[in-house]
Amino acid sequence: MIETEQKIIRIGSSDGITLSKKDLATLGAKRGDIVKVRVELAKPKRHDQLMNEYDSFVEKYGQTLKNLADR
């Protein structure tokens, strides 16, 4: 069994997901094999998303804010 997150993409006139060669090799699966799929929508937790945005902000503007505070 593997666990992976994939983006839904356009495949022809349908939407779908793909499996990497690495994941297929891990499963021992090949094109044409039948697999069981369990799907759930992966949404980032709001706190995690907020912390990522905060970290990006501090990385980008942290020194500028420190300089302003030291005036």
N, C-alpha and C. Protein backbone atom coordinates (compact mmCIF):
# COMPACT_ATOMS: atom_id res chain seq x y z
N MET A 1 0.84 -1.18 0.00
CA MET A 1 0.00 0.00 0.00
C MET A 1 0.89 1.24 0.00
N ILE A 2 0.47 2.25 -0.72
CA ILE A 2 1.16 3.54 -0.72
C ILE A 2 0.16 4.62 -0.31
N GLU A 3 0.68 5.72 0.20
CA GLU A 3 -0.16 6.89 0.47
C GLU A 3 0.52 8.07 -0.20
N THR A 4 -0.21 8.76 -1.03
CA THR A 4 0.34 9.89 -1.77
C THR A 4 -0.73 10.94 -1.98
N GLU A 5 -0.32 12.17 -2.19
CA GLU A 5 -1.25 13.23 -2.55
C GLU A 5 -0.98 13.61 -3.99
N GLN A 6 -2.03 13.71 -4.77
CA GLN A 6 -1.92 14.06 -6.18
C GLN A 6 -2.90 15.16 -6.51
N LYS A 7 -2.53 16.00 -7.44
CA LYS A 7 -3.41 17.05 -7.94
C LYS A 7 -4.30 16.46 -9.02
N ILE A 8 -5.57 16.84 -9.02
CA ILE A 8 -6.48 16.40 -10.09
C ILE A 8 -6.13 17.20 -11.34
N ILE A 9 -5.89 16.48 -12.43
CA ILE A 9 -5.49 17.12 -13.69
C ILE A 9 -6.44 16.72 -14.80
N ARG A 10 -6.36 17.43 -15.91
CA ARG A 10 -7.15 17.11 -17.10
C ARG A 10 -6.44 15.98 -17.84
N ILE A 11 -7.18 14.92 -18.15
CA ILE A 11 -6.67 13.80 -18.94
C ILE A 11 -7.67 13.60 -20.07
N GLY A 12 -7.33 14.07 -21.26
CA GLY A 12 -8.28 14.04 -22.37
C GLY A 12 -9.45 14.95 -22.04
N SER A 13 -10.66 14.40 -22.10
CA SER A 13 -11.84 15.19 -21.76
C SER A 13 -12.33 14.90 -20.34
N SER A 14 -11.51 14.19 -19.57
CA SER A 14 -11.85 13.83 -18.19
C SER A 14 -10.87 14.46 -17.22
N ASP A 15 -11.19 14.39 -15.95
CA ASP A 15 -10.26 14.76 -14.90
C ASP A 15 -9.77 13.48 -14.24
N GLY A 16 -8.54 13.50 -13.75
CA GLY A 16 -8.01 12.30 -13.12
C GLY A 16 -6.73 12.57 -12.37
N ILE A 17 -6.16 11.51 -11.81
CA ILE A 17 -4.87 11.57 -11.14
C ILE A 17 -3.95 10.56 -11.79
N THR A 18 -2.66 10.73 -11.58
CA THR A 18 -1.69 9.79 -12.13
C THR A 18 -0.91 9.16 -10.99
N LEU A 19 -0.29 8.03 -11.27
CA LEU A 19 0.59 7.36 -10.32
C LEU A 19 2.00 7.37 -10.89
N SER A 20 2.97 7.71 -10.08
CA SER A 20 4.36 7.76 -10.54
C SER A 20 4.91 6.36 -10.76
N LYS A 21 5.97 6.28 -11.56
CA LYS A 21 6.63 4.99 -11.78
C LYS A 21 7.13 4.42 -10.45
N LYS A 22 7.62 5.32 -9.59
CA LYS A 22 8.13 4.89 -8.28
C LYS A 22 7.01 4.24 -7.46
N ASP A 23 5.84 4.88 -7.42
CA ASP A 23 4.71 4.32 -6.67
C ASP A 23 4.26 2.99 -7.26
N LEU A 24 4.22 2.91 -8.59
CA LEU A 24 3.84 1.65 -9.23
C LEU A 24 4.85 0.55 -8.89
N ALA A 25 6.13 0.90 -8.91
CA ALA A 25 7.16 -0.09 -8.57
C ALA A 25 7.03 -0.54 -7.12
N THR A 26 6.74 0.40 -6.23
CA THR A 26 6.55 0.07 -4.82
C THR A 26 5.41 -0.93 -4.65
N LEU A 27 4.34 -0.72 -5.42
CA LEU A 27 3.19 -1.62 -5.36
C LEU A 27 3.44 -2.93 -6.09
N GLY A 28 4.41 -2.93 -7.00
CA GLY A 28 4.60 -4.09 -7.87
C GLY A 28 3.50 -4.15 -8.91
N ALA A 29 2.98 -2.98 -9.29
CA ALA A 29 1.87 -2.89 -10.24
C ALA A 29 2.38 -2.41 -11.59
N LYS A 30 1.58 -2.67 -12.61
CA LYS A 30 1.91 -2.21 -13.95
C LYS A 30 0.64 -1.79 -14.66
N ARG A 31 0.81 -1.10 -15.79
CA ARG A 31 -0.34 -0.66 -16.59
C ARG A 31 -1.24 -1.86 -16.89
N GLY A 32 -2.53 -1.68 -16.68
CA GLY A 32 -3.50 -2.75 -16.93
C GLY A 32 -3.94 -3.47 -15.67
N ASP A 33 -3.13 -3.38 -14.60
CA ASP A 33 -3.52 -3.99 -13.33
C ASP A 33 -4.70 -3.21 -12.75
N ILE A 34 -5.50 -3.89 -11.97
CA ILE A 34 -6.64 -3.25 -11.30
C ILE A 34 -6.22 -2.95 -9.86
N VAL A 35 -6.46 -1.71 -9.43
CA VAL A 35 -6.10 -1.30 -8.08
C VAL A 35 -7.34 -0.79 -7.35
N LYS A 36 -7.31 -0.87 -6.05
CA LYS A 36 -8.37 -0.31 -5.22
C LYS A 36 -7.93 1.09 -4.80
N VAL A 37 -8.81 2.05 -4.93
CA VAL A 37 -8.48 3.44 -4.63
C VAL A 37 -9.42 3.98 -3.57
N ARG A 38 -8.84 4.61 -2.55
CA ARG A 38 -9.62 5.31 -1.52
C ARG A 38 -9.29 6.79 -1.68
N VAL A 39 -10.30 7.62 -1.82
CA VAL A 39 -10.07 9.03 -2.11
C VAL A 39 -10.67 9.89 -1.01
N GLU A 40 -9.91 10.87 -0.56
CA GLU A 40 -10.43 11.90 0.34
C GLU A 40 -9.75 13.20 -0.05
N LEU A 41 -10.46 14.29 0.11
CA LEU A 41 -9.93 15.59 -0.26
C LEU A 41 -8.89 16.02 0.77
N ALA A 42 -7.69 16.31 0.30
CA ALA A 42 -6.61 16.74 1.18
C ALA A 42 -6.62 18.25 1.27
N LYS A 43 -7.02 18.76 2.42
CA LYS A 43 -7.04 20.20 2.64
C LYS A 43 -6.04 20.51 3.75
N PRO A 44 -5.19 21.50 3.53
CA PRO A 44 -4.27 21.85 4.61
C PRO A 44 -5.05 22.39 5.80
N LYS A 45 -4.59 22.04 6.98
CA LYS A 45 -5.23 22.58 8.17
C LYS A 45 -5.00 24.08 8.18
N ARG A 46 -5.99 24.82 8.60
CA ARG A 46 -5.92 26.28 8.57
C ARG A 46 -4.71 26.79 9.35
N HIS A 47 -4.43 26.19 10.51
CA HIS A 47 -3.30 26.62 11.32
C HIS A 47 -1.99 26.41 10.56
N ASP A 48 -1.83 25.25 9.93
CA ASP A 48 -0.62 24.96 9.17
C ASP A 48 -0.45 25.96 8.03
N GLN A 49 -1.54 26.26 7.34
CA GLN A 49 -1.48 27.22 6.23
C GLN A 49 -1.09 28.60 6.75
N LEU A 50 -1.68 29.01 7.86
CA LEU A 50 -1.38 30.31 8.45
C LEU A 50 0.09 30.39 8.88
N MET A 51 0.60 29.33 9.50
CA MET A 51 2.00 29.33 9.93
C MET A 51 2.95 29.38 8.74
N ASN A 52 2.62 28.69 7.66
CA ASN A 52 3.45 28.75 6.45
C ASN A 52 3.48 30.16 5.89
N GLU A 53 2.33 30.82 5.87
CA GLU A 53 2.28 32.20 5.39
C GLU A 53 3.07 33.12 6.31
N TYR A 54 2.97 32.92 7.62
CA TYR A 54 3.72 33.72 8.58
C TYR A 54 5.22 33.54 8.37
N ASP A 55 5.66 32.29 8.24
CA ASP A 55 7.09 32.02 8.03
C ASP A 55 7.60 32.69 6.77
N SER A 56 6.81 32.65 5.70
CA SER A 56 7.20 33.31 4.45
C SER A 56 7.30 34.82 4.64
N PHE A 57 6.34 35.39 5.37
CA PHE A 57 6.34 36.83 5.63
C PHE A 57 7.58 37.23 6.43
N VAL A 58 7.88 36.48 7.48
CA VAL A 58 9.04 36.80 8.33
C VAL A 58 10.33 36.65 7.53
N GLU A 59 10.40 35.62 6.70
CA GLU A 59 11.60 35.42 5.89
C GLU A 59 11.80 36.60 4.93
N LYS A 60 10.72 37.09 4.37
CA LYS A 60 10.80 38.17 3.39
C LYS A 60 10.98 39.53 4.04
N TYR A 61 10.26 39.81 5.12
CA TYR A 61 10.22 41.16 5.70
C TYR A 61 10.78 41.26 7.12
N GLY A 62 11.27 40.17 7.69
CA GLY A 62 11.71 40.17 9.08
C GLY A 62 12.78 41.21 9.38
N GLN A 63 13.80 41.29 8.55
CA GLN A 63 14.88 42.24 8.80
C GLN A 63 14.38 43.68 8.68
N THR A 64 13.53 43.94 7.71
CA THR A 64 12.96 45.28 7.54
C THR A 64 12.16 45.67 8.78
N LEU A 65 11.35 44.77 9.30
CA LEU A 65 10.56 45.06 10.50
C LEU A 65 11.47 45.31 11.70
N LYS A 66 12.54 44.51 11.81
CA LYS A 66 13.48 44.70 12.91
C LYS A 66 14.14 46.08 12.80
N ASN A 67 14.55 46.46 11.59
CA ASN A 67 15.17 47.77 11.39
C ASN A 67 14.21 48.90 11.77
N LEU A 68 12.95 48.76 11.41
CA LEU A 68 11.96 49.78 11.77
C LEU A 68 11.77 49.86 13.28
N ALA A 69 11.75 48.72 13.93
CA ALA A 69 11.56 48.68 15.39
C ALA A 69 12.74 49.30 16.12
N ASP A 70 13.94 49.18 15.55
CA ASP A 70 15.16 49.70 16.19
C ASP A 70 15.35 51.20 15.98
N ARG A 71 14.50 51.86 15.22
CA ARG A 71 14.65 53.31 14.96
C ARG A 71 14.31 54.12 16.17
